[in-house]
């Protein structure tokens, strides 16, 4: 698969907020009504286009249970972007958001771009957290905010793309450099080929490399 850059993402939040379903909807465009709880981490990937660059999103879906927290913490460092997910029908998942943010502070590289996602808008009749509450929490912590439905696909692609664009902006502005340890960004095969071609042309124009 040809791509210019690889961005490593993680999806975090309490158990059963729909993290795995969001990933499946984004990568496979499908929804399953029953999904086994994630044990440790699961993985998915998707190729997206941002401006003239092809970006491969490598997405790690982390377990929300405390039992696996020591495993999932290893995935914070070296990630460039994160989706912090809660269930709009379960207030306790919203109340735990501060705990998750503390984990990102303690275990990430310090440059993690996070988007807040309130999932399960297909269950509006059971809403326990208002849109305004989610929006206010995101503003207080400097995050973008979207409500999604993994079932109907509402705003699912937008959530991942918004995160990718935040990371891409830092990359273009050289706030994060690719291929550095823990940056969460790697140069892809096509980017390396382009660099080789540019170097070759530069050497030819200057009469060689010696």
N, C-alpha and C. Protein backbone atom coordinates (compact mmCIF):
# COMPACT_ATOMS: atom_id res chain seq x y z
N UNK A 1 0.85 -1.19 0.00
CA UNK A 1 0.00 0.00 0.00
C UNK A 1 0.89 1.24 0.00
N UNK A 2 0.69 2.12 -0.97
CA UNK A 2 1.49 3.33 -1.09
C UNK A 2 0.88 4.47 -0.29
N UNK A 3 1.70 5.11 0.55
CA UNK A 3 1.23 6.26 1.31
C UNK A 3 2.43 7.13 1.68
N UNK A 4 2.15 8.39 1.97
CA UNK A 4 3.22 9.34 2.29
C UNK A 4 3.61 9.31 3.76
N UNK A 5 2.59 9.21 4.62
CA UNK A 5 2.85 9.20 6.06
C UNK A 5 1.94 8.19 6.75
N UNK A 6 2.40 7.68 7.88
CA UNK A 6 1.59 6.85 8.75
C UNK A 6 1.38 7.60 10.06
N UNK A 7 0.11 7.73 10.47
CA UNK A 7 -0.23 8.33 11.76
C UNK A 7 -0.74 7.23 12.68
N UNK A 8 -0.18 7.16 13.87
CA UNK A 8 -0.66 6.20 14.85
C UNK A 8 -1.70 6.87 15.75
N UNK A 9 -2.89 6.25 15.84
CA UNK A 9 -3.99 6.75 16.66
C UNK A 9 -4.33 5.71 17.74
N UNK A 10 -4.93 6.20 18.83
CA UNK A 10 -5.54 5.30 19.80
C UNK A 10 -6.96 5.77 20.08
N UNK A 11 -7.81 4.82 20.44
CA UNK A 11 -9.18 5.13 20.87
C UNK A 11 -9.28 4.74 22.33
N UNK A 12 -9.65 5.70 23.17
CA UNK A 12 -9.69 5.45 24.61
C UNK A 12 -11.06 5.82 25.18
N UNK A 13 -11.35 5.30 26.37
CA UNK A 13 -12.63 5.54 27.02
C UNK A 13 -13.07 4.30 27.77
N UNK A 14 -14.14 4.43 28.53
CA UNK A 14 -14.65 3.33 29.33
C UNK A 14 -15.05 2.14 28.46
N UNK A 15 -15.19 1.01 29.11
CA UNK A 15 -15.65 -0.20 28.44
C UNK A 15 -17.07 -0.02 27.91
N UNK A 16 -17.33 -0.57 26.73
CA UNK A 16 -18.67 -0.62 26.12
C UNK A 16 -19.24 0.74 25.73
N UNK A 17 -18.36 1.72 25.47
CA UNK A 17 -18.85 3.01 24.95
C UNK A 17 -18.96 2.99 23.43
N UNK A 18 -18.46 1.93 22.81
CA UNK A 18 -18.56 1.79 21.35
C UNK A 18 -17.26 2.04 20.61
N UNK A 19 -16.14 1.92 21.28
CA UNK A 19 -14.84 2.19 20.63
C UNK A 19 -14.60 1.23 19.46
N UNK A 20 -14.80 -0.05 19.70
CA UNK A 20 -14.57 -1.05 18.65
C UNK A 20 -15.53 -0.86 17.49
N UNK A 21 -16.76 -0.49 17.81
CA UNK A 21 -17.77 -0.28 16.75
C UNK A 21 -17.44 0.95 15.91
N UNK A 22 -16.89 1.99 16.54
CA UNK A 22 -16.46 3.17 15.78
C UNK A 22 -15.34 2.80 14.82
N UNK A 23 -14.38 2.02 15.31
CA UNK A 23 -13.28 1.59 14.46
C UNK A 23 -13.78 0.74 13.30
N UNK A 24 -14.67 -0.20 13.57
CA UNK A 24 -15.20 -1.08 12.53
C UNK A 24 -16.00 -0.29 11.49
N UNK A 25 -16.76 0.68 11.94
CA UNK A 25 -17.54 1.49 11.01
C UNK A 25 -16.62 2.32 10.12
N UNK A 26 -15.55 2.84 10.70
CA UNK A 26 -14.64 3.68 9.92
C UNK A 26 -13.83 2.86 8.92
N UNK A 27 -13.34 1.71 9.34
CA UNK A 27 -12.45 0.93 8.46
C UNK A 27 -13.20 0.00 7.52
N UNK A 28 -14.35 -0.55 7.98
CA UNK A 28 -15.08 -1.54 7.18
C UNK A 28 -16.48 -1.09 6.76
N UNK A 29 -16.91 0.07 7.25
CA UNK A 29 -18.24 0.61 6.93
C UNK A 29 -19.35 -0.38 7.28
N UNK A 30 -19.24 -0.96 8.47
CA UNK A 30 -20.28 -1.87 8.92
C UNK A 30 -20.43 -1.79 10.44
N UNK A 31 -21.56 -2.28 10.91
CA UNK A 31 -21.88 -2.26 12.34
C UNK A 31 -22.37 -3.63 12.75
N UNK A 32 -21.87 -4.10 13.90
CA UNK A 32 -22.35 -5.37 14.43
C UNK A 32 -23.05 -5.10 15.75
N UNK A 33 -24.18 -5.75 15.96
CA UNK A 33 -24.97 -5.49 17.16
C UNK A 33 -24.34 -6.08 18.41
N UNK A 34 -23.59 -7.17 18.25
CA UNK A 34 -22.89 -7.77 19.40
C UNK A 34 -21.40 -7.79 19.10
N UNK A 35 -20.62 -7.34 20.06
CA UNK A 35 -19.18 -7.27 19.87
C UNK A 35 -18.51 -7.68 21.18
N UNK A 36 -17.59 -8.62 21.09
CA UNK A 36 -16.86 -9.04 22.28
C UNK A 36 -16.06 -7.87 22.84
N UNK A 37 -15.94 -7.82 24.16
CA UNK A 37 -15.14 -6.77 24.79
C UNK A 37 -13.69 -6.90 24.35
N UNK A 38 -13.08 -5.75 24.08
CA UNK A 38 -11.69 -5.74 23.67
C UNK A 38 -10.80 -6.19 24.82
N UNK A 39 -9.89 -7.12 24.53
CA UNK A 39 -8.94 -7.61 25.52
C UNK A 39 -7.57 -7.06 25.16
N UNK A 40 -7.13 -6.07 25.93
CA UNK A 40 -5.86 -5.42 25.62
C UNK A 40 -6.05 -4.39 24.54
N UNK A 41 -5.66 -4.71 23.29
CA UNK A 41 -5.82 -3.78 22.17
C UNK A 41 -6.18 -4.53 20.89
N UNK A 42 -6.97 -3.88 20.05
CA UNK A 42 -7.25 -4.37 18.71
C UNK A 42 -6.75 -3.32 17.73
N UNK A 43 -6.64 -3.72 16.48
CA UNK A 43 -5.96 -2.88 15.51
C UNK A 43 -6.78 -2.76 14.22
N UNK A 44 -6.76 -1.58 13.62
CA UNK A 44 -7.38 -1.37 12.32
C UNK A 44 -6.59 -0.31 11.57
N UNK A 45 -6.80 -0.23 10.26
CA UNK A 45 -6.08 0.75 9.45
C UNK A 45 -6.97 1.27 8.33
N UNK A 46 -6.72 2.50 7.93
CA UNK A 46 -7.49 3.11 6.85
C UNK A 46 -6.62 4.14 6.14
N UNK A 47 -6.73 4.19 4.82
CA UNK A 47 -6.00 5.16 4.02
C UNK A 47 -6.90 6.36 3.74
N UNK A 48 -6.39 7.56 4.02
CA UNK A 48 -7.16 8.78 3.80
C UNK A 48 -6.31 9.77 3.01
N UNK A 49 -6.98 10.76 2.45
CA UNK A 49 -6.30 11.79 1.69
C UNK A 49 -6.45 13.13 2.40
N UNK A 50 -5.33 13.81 2.66
CA UNK A 50 -5.34 15.17 3.20
C UNK A 50 -4.48 16.03 2.30
N UNK A 51 -5.13 16.99 1.64
CA UNK A 51 -4.47 17.80 0.62
C UNK A 51 -3.85 16.86 -0.42
N UNK A 52 -2.54 17.02 -0.69
CA UNK A 52 -1.94 16.17 -1.73
C UNK A 52 -1.33 14.90 -1.16
N UNK A 53 -1.49 14.68 0.13
CA UNK A 53 -0.82 13.55 0.77
C UNK A 53 -1.78 12.40 1.09
N UNK A 54 -1.28 11.18 0.86
CA UNK A 54 -1.99 9.99 1.30
C UNK A 54 -1.48 9.61 2.69
N UNK A 55 -2.43 9.46 3.62
CA UNK A 55 -2.08 9.17 5.00
C UNK A 55 -2.68 7.82 5.40
N UNK A 56 -1.83 6.95 5.94
CA UNK A 56 -2.33 5.70 6.49
C UNK A 56 -2.56 5.90 7.99
N UNK A 57 -3.80 5.72 8.43
CA UNK A 57 -4.12 5.81 9.85
C UNK A 57 -4.02 4.41 10.45
N UNK A 58 -3.12 4.25 11.38
CA UNK A 58 -2.96 2.98 12.11
C UNK A 58 -3.63 3.20 13.46
N UNK A 59 -4.76 2.53 13.68
CA UNK A 59 -5.64 2.84 14.82
C UNK A 59 -5.69 1.68 15.79
N UNK A 60 -5.37 1.98 17.05
CA UNK A 60 -5.38 0.98 18.11
C UNK A 60 -6.59 1.22 19.01
N UNK A 61 -7.43 0.23 19.09
CA UNK A 61 -8.63 0.27 19.93
C UNK A 61 -8.28 -0.36 21.27
N UNK A 62 -8.29 0.46 22.32
CA UNK A 62 -7.82 -0.01 23.63
C UNK A 62 -8.97 -0.50 24.50
N UNK A 63 -8.66 -1.42 25.39
CA UNK A 63 -9.65 -1.94 26.33
C UNK A 63 -9.94 -0.90 27.41
N UNK A 64 -11.21 -0.79 27.80
CA UNK A 64 -11.58 0.18 28.81
C UNK A 64 -11.55 -0.36 30.22
N UNK A 65 -11.47 -1.67 30.38
CA UNK A 65 -11.50 -2.26 31.72
C UNK A 65 -10.20 -1.98 32.47
N UNK A 66 -10.32 -1.74 33.76
CA UNK A 66 -9.15 -1.46 34.60
C UNK A 66 -8.15 -2.61 34.56
N UNK A 67 -8.66 -3.84 34.36
CA UNK A 67 -7.80 -5.03 34.33
C UNK A 67 -6.72 -4.91 33.27
N UNK A 68 -7.05 -4.28 32.15
CA UNK A 68 -6.11 -4.21 31.03
C UNK A 68 -5.42 -2.86 30.93
N UNK A 69 -5.65 -1.98 31.91
CA UNK A 69 -5.13 -0.62 31.82
C UNK A 69 -3.61 -0.58 31.73
N UNK A 70 -2.92 -1.49 32.43
CA UNK A 70 -1.46 -1.51 32.37
C UNK A 70 -0.96 -1.85 30.98
N UNK A 71 -1.74 -2.64 30.22
CA UNK A 71 -1.37 -2.99 28.85
C UNK A 71 -1.62 -1.82 27.93
N UNK A 72 -2.80 -1.22 28.04
CA UNK A 72 -3.17 -0.16 27.10
C UNK A 72 -2.33 1.10 27.30
N UNK A 73 -1.82 1.31 28.51
CA UNK A 73 -0.98 2.50 28.75
C UNK A 73 0.25 2.53 27.86
N UNK A 74 0.70 1.35 27.46
CA UNK A 74 1.88 1.28 26.60
C UNK A 74 1.62 1.89 25.22
N UNK A 75 0.35 2.00 24.85
CA UNK A 75 0.01 2.49 23.52
C UNK A 75 -0.13 4.02 23.46
N UNK A 76 -0.14 4.67 24.62
CA UNK A 76 -0.21 6.14 24.62
C UNK A 76 1.04 6.74 24.01
N UNK A 77 2.19 6.31 24.54
CA UNK A 77 3.45 6.85 24.03
C UNK A 77 3.67 6.36 22.60
N UNK A 78 3.99 7.28 21.76
CA UNK A 78 4.16 6.91 20.36
C UNK A 78 2.90 7.06 19.54
N UNK A 79 1.85 7.64 20.13
CA UNK A 79 0.63 7.93 19.38
C UNK A 79 0.55 9.42 19.07
N UNK A 80 0.08 9.75 17.88
CA UNK A 80 -0.03 11.15 17.48
C UNK A 80 -1.42 11.72 17.73
N UNK A 81 -2.44 10.85 17.69
CA UNK A 81 -3.81 11.32 17.87
C UNK A 81 -4.63 10.34 18.68
N UNK A 82 -5.69 10.85 19.28
CA UNK A 82 -6.55 9.99 20.10
C UNK A 82 -8.01 10.44 20.00
N UNK A 83 -8.90 9.47 20.02
CA UNK A 83 -10.33 9.72 20.18
C UNK A 83 -10.71 9.31 21.59
N UNK A 84 -11.18 10.26 22.37
CA UNK A 84 -11.64 9.99 23.73
C UNK A 84 -13.15 9.86 23.67
N UNK A 85 -13.65 8.65 23.94
CA UNK A 85 -15.06 8.33 23.68
C UNK A 85 -15.83 8.09 24.97
N UNK A 86 -17.04 8.65 25.03
CA UNK A 86 -17.98 8.32 26.09
C UNK A 86 -19.32 7.98 25.46
N UNK A 87 -20.19 7.38 26.26
CA UNK A 87 -21.52 6.95 25.82
C UNK A 87 -22.54 7.98 26.31
N UNK A 88 -23.25 8.63 25.40
CA UNK A 88 -24.18 9.69 25.81
C UNK A 88 -25.35 9.16 26.63
N UNK A 89 -25.53 7.84 26.67
CA UNK A 89 -26.62 7.25 27.46
C UNK A 89 -26.16 6.78 28.83
N UNK A 90 -24.86 6.90 29.13
CA UNK A 90 -24.33 6.44 30.42
C UNK A 90 -23.47 7.56 31.02
N UNK A 91 -24.04 8.26 32.00
CA UNK A 91 -23.35 9.42 32.57
C UNK A 91 -22.02 9.05 33.20
N UNK A 92 -21.91 7.86 33.76
CA UNK A 92 -20.66 7.50 34.42
C UNK A 92 -19.48 7.52 33.45
N UNK A 93 -19.74 7.21 32.17
CA UNK A 93 -18.66 7.22 31.18
C UNK A 93 -18.20 8.65 30.90
N UNK A 94 -19.11 9.60 31.03
CA UNK A 94 -18.77 11.01 30.90
C UNK A 94 -18.02 11.49 32.14
N UNK A 95 -18.45 11.03 33.30
CA UNK A 95 -17.82 11.44 34.56
C UNK A 95 -16.37 10.95 34.67
N UNK A 96 -16.03 9.92 33.92
CA UNK A 96 -14.68 9.36 33.99
C UNK A 96 -13.71 10.02 33.01
N UNK A 97 -14.17 11.00 32.24
CA UNK A 97 -13.32 11.61 31.22
C UNK A 97 -12.06 12.24 31.80
N UNK A 98 -12.19 12.88 32.95
CA UNK A 98 -11.01 13.50 33.57
C UNK A 98 -9.95 12.46 33.90
N UNK A 99 -10.39 11.27 34.30
CA UNK A 99 -9.43 10.21 34.60
C UNK A 99 -8.66 9.80 33.35
N UNK A 100 -9.37 9.72 32.24
CA UNK A 100 -8.72 9.36 30.98
C UNK A 100 -7.74 10.44 30.53
N UNK A 101 -8.11 11.70 30.73
CA UNK A 101 -7.20 12.79 30.35
C UNK A 101 -5.94 12.77 31.20
N UNK A 102 -6.08 12.42 32.47
CA UNK A 102 -4.91 12.31 33.34
C UNK A 102 -3.97 11.22 32.81
N UNK A 103 -4.55 10.14 32.32
CA UNK A 103 -3.71 9.06 31.77
C UNK A 103 -2.96 9.53 30.53
N UNK A 104 -3.61 10.30 29.67
CA UNK A 104 -2.92 10.80 28.48
C UNK A 104 -1.77 11.72 28.88
N UNK A 105 -1.97 12.52 29.93
CA UNK A 105 -0.91 13.41 30.41
C UNK A 105 0.26 12.61 30.96
N UNK A 106 -0.05 11.56 31.70
CA UNK A 106 0.99 10.77 32.37
C UNK A 106 1.75 9.85 31.44
N UNK A 107 1.09 9.36 30.37
CA UNK A 107 1.71 8.29 29.58
C UNK A 107 1.95 8.63 28.12
N UNK A 108 1.44 9.76 27.63
CA UNK A 108 1.64 10.08 26.21
C UNK A 108 2.93 10.87 26.02
N UNK A 109 3.21 11.23 24.77
CA UNK A 109 4.43 11.98 24.46
C UNK A 109 4.29 13.48 24.72
N UNK A 110 3.13 13.91 25.21
CA UNK A 110 2.89 15.32 25.50
C UNK A 110 2.39 16.12 24.32
N UNK A 111 2.34 15.52 23.13
CA UNK A 111 1.88 16.21 21.93
C UNK A 111 0.67 15.53 21.31
N UNK A 112 -0.04 14.76 22.10
CA UNK A 112 -1.17 13.98 21.61
C UNK A 112 -2.36 14.89 21.30
N UNK A 113 -2.85 14.82 20.06
CA UNK A 113 -4.05 15.56 19.67
C UNK A 113 -5.28 14.71 19.98
N UNK A 114 -6.19 15.25 20.79
CA UNK A 114 -7.34 14.48 21.27
C UNK A 114 -8.64 15.12 20.82
N UNK A 115 -9.55 14.30 20.31
CA UNK A 115 -10.90 14.75 19.98
C UNK A 115 -11.87 14.03 20.91
N UNK A 116 -12.80 14.78 21.47
CA UNK A 116 -13.81 14.20 22.35
C UNK A 116 -15.00 13.73 21.52
N UNK A 117 -15.42 12.49 21.76
CA UNK A 117 -16.51 11.88 20.98
C UNK A 117 -17.60 11.37 21.92
N UNK A 118 -18.81 11.90 21.75
CA UNK A 118 -19.97 11.37 22.45
C UNK A 118 -20.70 10.41 21.53
N UNK A 119 -20.62 9.12 21.80
CA UNK A 119 -21.15 8.10 20.89
C UNK A 119 -22.56 7.65 21.27
N UNK A 120 -23.22 7.00 20.31
CA UNK A 120 -24.54 6.38 20.45
C UNK A 120 -25.70 7.39 20.34
N UNK A 121 -25.59 8.30 19.38
CA UNK A 121 -26.69 9.24 19.14
C UNK A 121 -27.92 8.56 18.55
N UNK A 122 -27.78 7.31 18.13
CA UNK A 122 -28.96 6.57 17.67
C UNK A 122 -29.87 6.19 18.83
N UNK A 123 -29.40 6.43 20.06
CA UNK A 123 -30.20 6.13 21.26
C UNK A 123 -30.56 7.42 22.00
N UNK A 124 -30.98 8.42 21.24
CA UNK A 124 -31.27 9.73 21.82
C UNK A 124 -32.34 9.68 22.91
N UNK A 125 -33.27 8.75 22.78
CA UNK A 125 -34.34 8.66 23.78
C UNK A 125 -33.80 8.26 25.16
N UNK A 126 -32.57 7.73 25.17
CA UNK A 126 -31.95 7.33 26.43
C UNK A 126 -30.82 8.28 26.85
N UNK A 127 -30.76 9.44 26.22
CA UNK A 127 -29.66 10.37 26.49
C UNK A 127 -29.57 10.72 27.97
N UNK A 128 -28.34 10.65 28.50
CA UNK A 128 -28.08 11.02 29.90
C UNK A 128 -27.10 12.18 30.01
N UNK A 129 -26.41 12.48 28.89
CA UNK A 129 -25.46 13.59 28.85
C UNK A 129 -25.84 14.49 27.68
N UNK A 130 -26.09 15.75 27.95
CA UNK A 130 -26.52 16.66 26.90
C UNK A 130 -25.37 17.02 25.97
N UNK A 131 -25.73 17.45 24.78
CA UNK A 131 -24.71 17.90 23.81
C UNK A 131 -23.92 19.07 24.40
N UNK A 132 -24.63 19.96 25.06
CA UNK A 132 -24.00 21.15 25.64
C UNK A 132 -22.95 20.79 26.69
N UNK A 133 -23.21 19.75 27.47
CA UNK A 133 -22.24 19.31 28.48
C UNK A 133 -20.96 18.79 27.82
N UNK A 134 -21.13 18.00 26.77
CA UNK A 134 -19.97 17.50 26.06
C UNK A 134 -19.18 18.62 25.42
N UNK A 135 -19.89 19.56 24.82
CA UNK A 135 -19.25 20.69 24.16
C UNK A 135 -18.49 21.54 25.17
N UNK A 136 -19.08 21.78 26.33
CA UNK A 136 -18.44 22.59 27.37
C UNK A 136 -17.19 21.90 27.91
N UNK A 137 -17.27 20.59 28.12
CA UNK A 137 -16.11 19.85 28.61
C UNK A 137 -14.96 19.95 27.61
N UNK A 138 -15.29 19.80 26.33
CA UNK A 138 -14.26 19.88 25.29
C UNK A 138 -13.62 21.27 25.26
N UNK A 139 -14.41 22.31 25.37
CA UNK A 139 -13.88 23.67 25.37
C UNK A 139 -12.94 23.90 26.54
N UNK A 140 -13.34 23.41 27.71
CA UNK A 140 -12.52 23.58 28.91
C UNK A 140 -11.15 22.94 28.77
N UNK A 141 -11.08 21.88 27.97
CA UNK A 141 -9.82 21.14 27.84
C UNK A 141 -9.17 21.31 26.47
N UNK A 142 -9.65 22.28 25.70
CA UNK A 142 -9.03 22.60 24.42
C UNK A 142 -9.15 21.53 23.37
N UNK A 143 -10.28 20.82 23.38
CA UNK A 143 -10.50 19.74 22.41
C UNK A 143 -11.64 20.07 21.46
N UNK A 144 -11.61 19.50 20.29
CA UNK A 144 -12.77 19.51 19.40
C UNK A 144 -13.76 18.47 19.90
N UNK A 145 -15.03 18.63 19.51
CA UNK A 145 -16.08 17.75 20.01
C UNK A 145 -17.05 17.37 18.91
N UNK A 146 -17.38 16.09 18.87
CA UNK A 146 -18.39 15.58 17.94
C UNK A 146 -19.23 14.52 18.65
N UNK A 147 -20.51 14.48 18.32
CA UNK A 147 -21.35 13.35 18.71
C UNK A 147 -21.48 12.43 17.51
N UNK A 148 -21.42 11.14 17.77
CA UNK A 148 -21.39 10.15 16.69
C UNK A 148 -22.39 9.03 16.95
N UNK A 149 -22.60 8.23 15.91
CA UNK A 149 -23.29 6.96 16.04
C UNK A 149 -22.54 5.93 15.22
N UNK A 150 -21.96 4.96 15.89
CA UNK A 150 -21.29 3.88 15.16
C UNK A 150 -22.30 3.06 14.37
N UNK A 151 -23.54 3.07 14.82
CA UNK A 151 -24.58 2.28 14.16
C UNK A 151 -25.01 2.90 12.84
N UNK A 152 -25.28 4.21 12.85
CA UNK A 152 -25.75 4.89 11.63
C UNK A 152 -24.62 5.52 10.83
N UNK A 153 -23.40 5.53 11.40
CA UNK A 153 -22.20 6.13 10.80
C UNK A 153 -22.18 7.65 10.90
N UNK A 154 -23.11 8.24 11.66
CA UNK A 154 -23.14 9.68 11.82
C UNK A 154 -21.82 10.19 12.41
N UNK A 155 -21.16 11.07 11.67
CA UNK A 155 -19.94 11.76 12.10
C UNK A 155 -18.77 10.84 12.43
N UNK A 156 -18.85 9.57 12.07
CA UNK A 156 -17.74 8.66 12.38
C UNK A 156 -16.50 9.02 11.57
N UNK A 157 -16.67 9.12 10.27
CA UNK A 157 -15.53 9.50 9.42
C UNK A 157 -15.02 10.88 9.80
N UNK A 158 -15.95 11.79 10.10
CA UNK A 158 -15.57 13.16 10.46
C UNK A 158 -14.69 13.18 11.72
N UNK A 159 -14.99 12.31 12.68
CA UNK A 159 -14.22 12.28 13.92
C UNK A 159 -12.78 11.86 13.66
N UNK A 160 -12.59 10.80 12.88
CA UNK A 160 -11.24 10.35 12.58
C UNK A 160 -10.49 11.35 11.70
N UNK A 161 -11.21 11.93 10.74
CA UNK A 161 -10.57 12.89 9.84
C UNK A 161 -10.20 14.17 10.58
N UNK A 162 -11.04 14.60 11.50
CA UNK A 162 -10.72 15.81 12.28
C UNK A 162 -9.45 15.60 13.09
N UNK A 163 -9.31 14.40 13.66
CA UNK A 163 -8.09 14.08 14.40
C UNK A 163 -6.89 14.05 13.47
N UNK A 164 -7.04 13.44 12.31
CA UNK A 164 -5.95 13.35 11.34
C UNK A 164 -5.51 14.73 10.87
N UNK A 165 -6.46 15.63 10.69
CA UNK A 165 -6.12 16.98 10.22
C UNK A 165 -5.38 17.78 11.28
N UNK A 166 -5.69 17.54 12.56
CA UNK A 166 -4.95 18.20 13.63
C UNK A 166 -3.49 17.75 13.62
N UNK A 167 -3.29 16.44 13.47
CA UNK A 167 -1.93 15.90 13.43
C UNK A 167 -1.20 16.40 12.18
N UNK A 168 -1.90 16.40 11.05
CA UNK A 168 -1.31 16.83 9.79
C UNK A 168 -0.86 18.29 9.87
N UNK A 169 -1.66 19.12 10.51
CA UNK A 169 -1.32 20.53 10.65
C UNK A 169 -0.01 20.70 11.43
N UNK A 170 0.16 19.92 12.50
CA UNK A 170 1.40 19.97 13.26
C UNK A 170 2.58 19.48 12.44
N UNK A 171 2.33 18.46 11.62
CA UNK A 171 3.38 17.91 10.76
C UNK A 171 3.84 18.95 9.74
N UNK A 172 2.89 19.59 9.06
CA UNK A 172 3.21 20.58 8.04
C UNK A 172 3.92 21.79 8.65
N UNK A 173 3.49 22.16 9.87
CA UNK A 173 4.10 23.31 10.55
C UNK A 173 5.37 22.94 11.31
N UNK A 174 5.79 21.67 11.16
CA UNK A 174 7.01 21.14 11.76
C UNK A 174 7.01 21.23 13.30
N UNK A 175 5.80 21.18 13.86
CA UNK A 175 5.70 21.08 15.32
C UNK A 175 5.98 19.65 15.78
N UNK A 176 5.75 18.70 14.87
CA UNK A 176 6.11 17.30 15.09
C UNK A 176 6.90 16.84 13.86
N UNK A 177 8.00 16.17 14.08
CA UNK A 177 8.81 15.68 12.97
C UNK A 177 8.59 14.18 12.81
N UNK A 178 8.42 13.71 11.57
CA UNK A 178 8.20 12.28 11.36
C UNK A 178 9.45 11.46 11.68
N UNK A 179 9.21 10.21 12.01
CA UNK A 179 10.28 9.22 12.21
C UNK A 179 11.09 9.45 13.49
N UNK A 180 10.68 10.41 14.30
CA UNK A 180 11.33 10.56 15.59
C UNK A 180 10.66 9.62 16.60
N UNK A 181 11.42 9.20 17.58
CA UNK A 181 10.89 8.28 18.58
C UNK A 181 9.70 8.91 19.30
N UNK A 182 8.63 8.15 19.39
CA UNK A 182 7.41 8.55 20.09
C UNK A 182 6.62 9.66 19.40
N UNK A 183 6.96 10.02 18.16
CA UNK A 183 6.21 11.09 17.48
C UNK A 183 4.84 10.60 17.01
N UNK A 184 4.72 9.28 16.76
CA UNK A 184 3.47 8.74 16.25
C UNK A 184 3.29 8.95 14.76
N UNK A 185 4.33 9.45 14.09
CA UNK A 185 4.28 9.70 12.65
C UNK A 185 5.49 9.06 11.99
N UNK A 186 5.26 8.32 10.92
CA UNK A 186 6.34 7.73 10.16
C UNK A 186 6.20 8.09 8.69
N UNK A 187 7.32 8.27 8.02
CA UNK A 187 7.30 8.48 6.58
C UNK A 187 6.94 7.18 5.89
N UNK A 188 6.07 7.25 4.89
CA UNK A 188 5.64 6.07 4.17
C UNK A 188 6.52 5.78 2.97
N UNK A 189 6.29 4.66 2.30
CA UNK A 189 7.10 4.26 1.14
C UNK A 189 7.12 5.31 0.03
N UNK A 190 5.95 5.88 -0.30
CA UNK A 190 5.89 6.84 -1.40
C UNK A 190 6.61 8.13 -1.06
N UNK A 191 6.60 8.51 0.24
CA UNK A 191 7.32 9.72 0.66
C UNK A 191 8.82 9.50 0.51
N UNK A 192 9.29 8.34 0.89
CA UNK A 192 10.71 8.04 0.77
C UNK A 192 11.16 8.01 -0.69
N UNK A 193 10.29 7.50 -1.57
CA UNK A 193 10.60 7.48 -3.00
C UNK A 193 10.70 8.90 -3.54
N UNK A 194 9.76 9.76 -3.13
CA UNK A 194 9.78 11.17 -3.58
C UNK A 194 11.06 11.86 -3.12
N UNK A 195 11.48 11.59 -1.88
CA UNK A 195 12.70 12.20 -1.36
C UNK A 195 13.92 11.72 -2.14
N UNK A 196 13.92 10.43 -2.49
CA UNK A 196 15.03 9.88 -3.27
C UNK A 196 15.09 10.52 -4.65
N UNK A 197 13.91 10.73 -5.26
CA UNK A 197 13.85 11.35 -6.59
C UNK A 197 14.33 12.80 -6.52
N UNK A 198 13.91 13.51 -5.46
CA UNK A 198 14.33 14.91 -5.31
C UNK A 198 15.85 15.00 -5.10
N UNK A 199 16.40 14.08 -4.31
CA UNK A 199 17.84 14.07 -4.07
C UNK A 199 18.61 13.76 -5.35
N UNK A 200 18.07 12.81 -6.14
CA UNK A 200 18.71 12.44 -7.41
C UNK A 200 18.74 13.63 -8.36
N UNK A 201 17.61 14.35 -8.48
CA UNK A 201 17.54 15.52 -9.37
C UNK A 201 18.49 16.61 -8.91
N UNK A 202 18.56 16.79 -7.57
CA UNK A 202 19.45 17.80 -7.03
C UNK A 202 20.90 17.48 -7.35
N UNK A 203 21.25 16.21 -7.23
CA UNK A 203 22.63 15.78 -7.53
C UNK A 203 22.95 15.93 -9.01
N UNK A 204 21.97 15.59 -9.86
CA UNK A 204 22.17 15.72 -11.29
C UNK A 204 22.37 17.18 -11.70
N UNK A 205 21.58 18.06 -11.08
CA UNK A 205 21.68 19.49 -11.40
C UNK A 205 22.98 20.10 -10.90
N UNK A 206 23.54 19.51 -9.83
CA UNK A 206 24.78 20.05 -9.28
C UNK A 206 26.02 19.33 -9.83
N UNK A 207 25.78 18.40 -10.77
CA UNK A 207 26.90 17.71 -11.41
C UNK A 207 27.33 16.46 -10.69
N UNK A 208 26.48 15.91 -9.83
CA UNK A 208 26.83 14.68 -9.13
C UNK A 208 26.87 14.89 -7.64
N UNK A 209 27.12 13.83 -6.94
CA UNK A 209 27.07 13.87 -5.48
C UNK A 209 28.46 13.94 -4.87
N UNK A 210 29.52 13.95 -5.71
CA UNK A 210 30.88 13.92 -5.16
C UNK A 210 31.53 15.29 -5.29
